[in-house]
C-alpha atoms as a PDB file:
ATOM      1  CA  MET A   1       7.474  -8.864   2.621  1.00  0.00           C
ATOM      2  CA  ILE A   2       4.502  -6.508   2.789  1.00  0.00           C
ATOM      3  CA  SER A   3       1.410  -7.771   4.592  1.00  0.00           C
ATOM      4  CA  LYS A   4      -2.181  -6.574   5.065  1.00  0.00           C
ATOM      5  CA  ASP A   5      -1.585  -5.493   8.642  1.00  0.00           C
ATOM      6  CA  MET A   6       1.275  -3.094   7.862  1.00  0.00           C
ATOM      7  CA  SER A   7       0.573   0.629   8.032  1.00  0.00           C
ATOM      8  CA  ILE A   8       0.400   2.453   4.730  1.00  0.00           C
ATOM      9  CA  THR A   9       2.864   5.079   5.959  1.00  0.00           C
ATOM     10  CA  ASP A  10       5.399   2.456   7.044  1.00  0.00           C
ATOM     11  CA  ILE A  11       5.205   0.791   3.648  1.00  0.00           C
ATOM     12  CA  VAL A  12       5.745   4.036   1.737  1.00  0.00           C
ATOM     13  CA  ASP A  13       8.543   5.118   4.085  1.00  0.00           C
ATOM     14  CA  ASN A  14      10.375   1.783   3.860  1.00  0.00           C
ATOM     15  CA  TYR A  15       9.567   0.986   0.229  1.00  0.00           C
ATOM     16  CA  PRO A  16       9.192   4.218  -1.779  1.00  0.00           C
ATOM     17  CA  GLU A  17       8.897   2.174  -4.951  1.00  0.00           C
ATOM     18  CA  THR A  18       5.373   1.214  -3.792  1.00  0.00           C
ATOM     19  CA  VAL A  19       4.020   4.758  -4.239  1.00  0.00           C
ATOM     20  CA  GLU A  20       3.293   4.110  -7.913  1.00  0.00           C
ATOM     21  CA  VAL A  21       1.389   0.915  -7.032  1.00  0.00           C
ATOM     22  CA  PHE A  22      -0.794   2.805  -4.555  1.00  0.00           C
ATOM     23  CA  ILE A  23      -1.495   5.505  -7.156  1.00  0.00           C
ATOM     24  CA  GLN A  24      -2.304   3.011  -9.917  1.00  0.00           C
ATOM     25  CA  SER A  25      -4.658   1.102  -7.628  1.00  0.00           C
ATOM     26  CA  GLY A  26      -6.636   4.246  -6.837  1.00  0.00           C
ATOM     27  CA  MET A  27      -5.293   4.679  -3.307  1.00  0.00           C
ATOM     28  CA  HIS A  28      -4.039   8.238  -3.454  1.00  0.00           C
ATOM     29  CA  CYS A  29      -4.366   8.687   0.292  1.00  0.00           C
ATOM     30  CA  PHE A  30      -0.939   7.325   1.199  1.00  0.00           C
ATOM     31  CA  GLY A  31       0.054  10.854   2.216  1.00  0.00           C
ATOM     32  CA  CYS A  32      -3.049  11.711   4.247  1.00  0.00           C
ATOM     33  CA  MET A  33      -3.435  11.565   8.010  1.00  0.00           C
ATOM     34  CA  ALA A  34      -5.545   8.389   7.883  1.00  0.00           C
ATOM     35  CA  ALA A  35      -2.642   6.550   6.258  1.00  0.00           C
ATOM     36  CA  ARG A  36      -0.693   6.904   9.499  1.00  0.00           C
ATOM     37  CA  PHE A  37      -3.311   4.931  11.402  1.00  0.00           C
ATOM     38  CA  GLU A  38      -4.773   2.605   8.778  1.00  0.00           C
ATOM     39  CA  ASN A  39      -3.213  -0.601   7.661  1.00  0.00           C
ATOM     40  CA  VAL A  40      -3.254  -1.617   4.001  1.00  0.00           C
ATOM     41  CA  GLU A  41      -6.305  -3.817   4.423  1.00  0.00           C
ATOM     42  CA  GLN A  42      -8.363  -1.055   6.045  1.00  0.00           C
ATOM     43  CA  GLY A  43      -7.363   1.469   3.403  1.00  0.00           C
ATOM     44  CA  ALA A  44      -8.038  -0.891   0.524  1.00  0.00           C
ATOM     45  CA  LEU A  45     -11.444  -1.875   1.886  1.00  0.00           C
ATOM     46  CA  ALA A  46     -12.371   1.795   2.350  1.00  0.00           C
ATOM     47  CA  HIS A  47     -11.592   2.385  -1.326  1.00  0.00           C
ATOM     48  CA  GLY A  48     -13.153  -0.809  -2.689  1.00  0.00           C
ATOM     49  CA  ILE A  49      -9.794  -2.221  -3.750  1.00  0.00           C
ATOM     50  CA  ASP A  50      -8.994  -5.941  -3.913  1.00  0.00           C
ATOM     51  CA  VAL A  51      -6.684  -6.303  -0.905  1.00  0.00           C
ATOM     52  CA  ASP A  52      -4.986  -9.508  -2.052  1.00  0.00           C
ATOM     53  CA  LYS A  53      -4.217  -8.068  -5.491  1.00  0.00           C
ATOM     54  CA  LEU A  54      -2.856  -4.889  -3.932  1.00  0.00           C
ATOM     55  CA  ILE A  55      -0.566  -6.838  -1.595  1.00  0.00           C
ATOM     56  CA  GLU A  56       0.652  -8.917  -4.526  1.00  0.00           C
ATOM     57  CA  ASP A  57       1.374  -5.789  -6.584  1.00  0.00           C
ATOM     58  CA  LEU A  58       3.137  -4.065  -3.677  1.00  0.00           C
ATOM     59  CA  ASN A  59       5.371  -7.073  -3.065  1.00  0.00           C
ATOM     60  CA  ASN A  60       6.118  -7.369  -6.778  1.00  0.00           C
ATOM     61  CA  ALA A  61       7.209  -3.717  -6.846  1.00  0.00           C
ATOM     62  CA  VAL A  62       9.579  -4.313  -3.941  1.00  0.00           C
ATOM     63  CA  THR A  63      10.986  -7.502  -5.480  1.00  0.00           C
ATOM     64  CA  VAL A  64      11.556  -5.898  -8.891  1.00  0.00           C
ATOM     65  CA  SER A  65      13.420  -2.945  -7.381  1.00  0.00           C
ATOM     66  CA  LYS A  66      15.974  -5.154  -5.592  1.00  0.00           C
END
């Protein structure tokens, strides 16, 4: 399960199916240097994205792909 405190890079590395969710949410920075140090909550807040909705969408993407 993906949580707010997980790093963006770890999520993308472990769950590549989440890339599309990040792109659709407007978080195109999953490949940038900041993504290595920011967790999902920090990144979402920096981009004005609803953190809870993003987490829900990321977890749905992982669940659907299994």
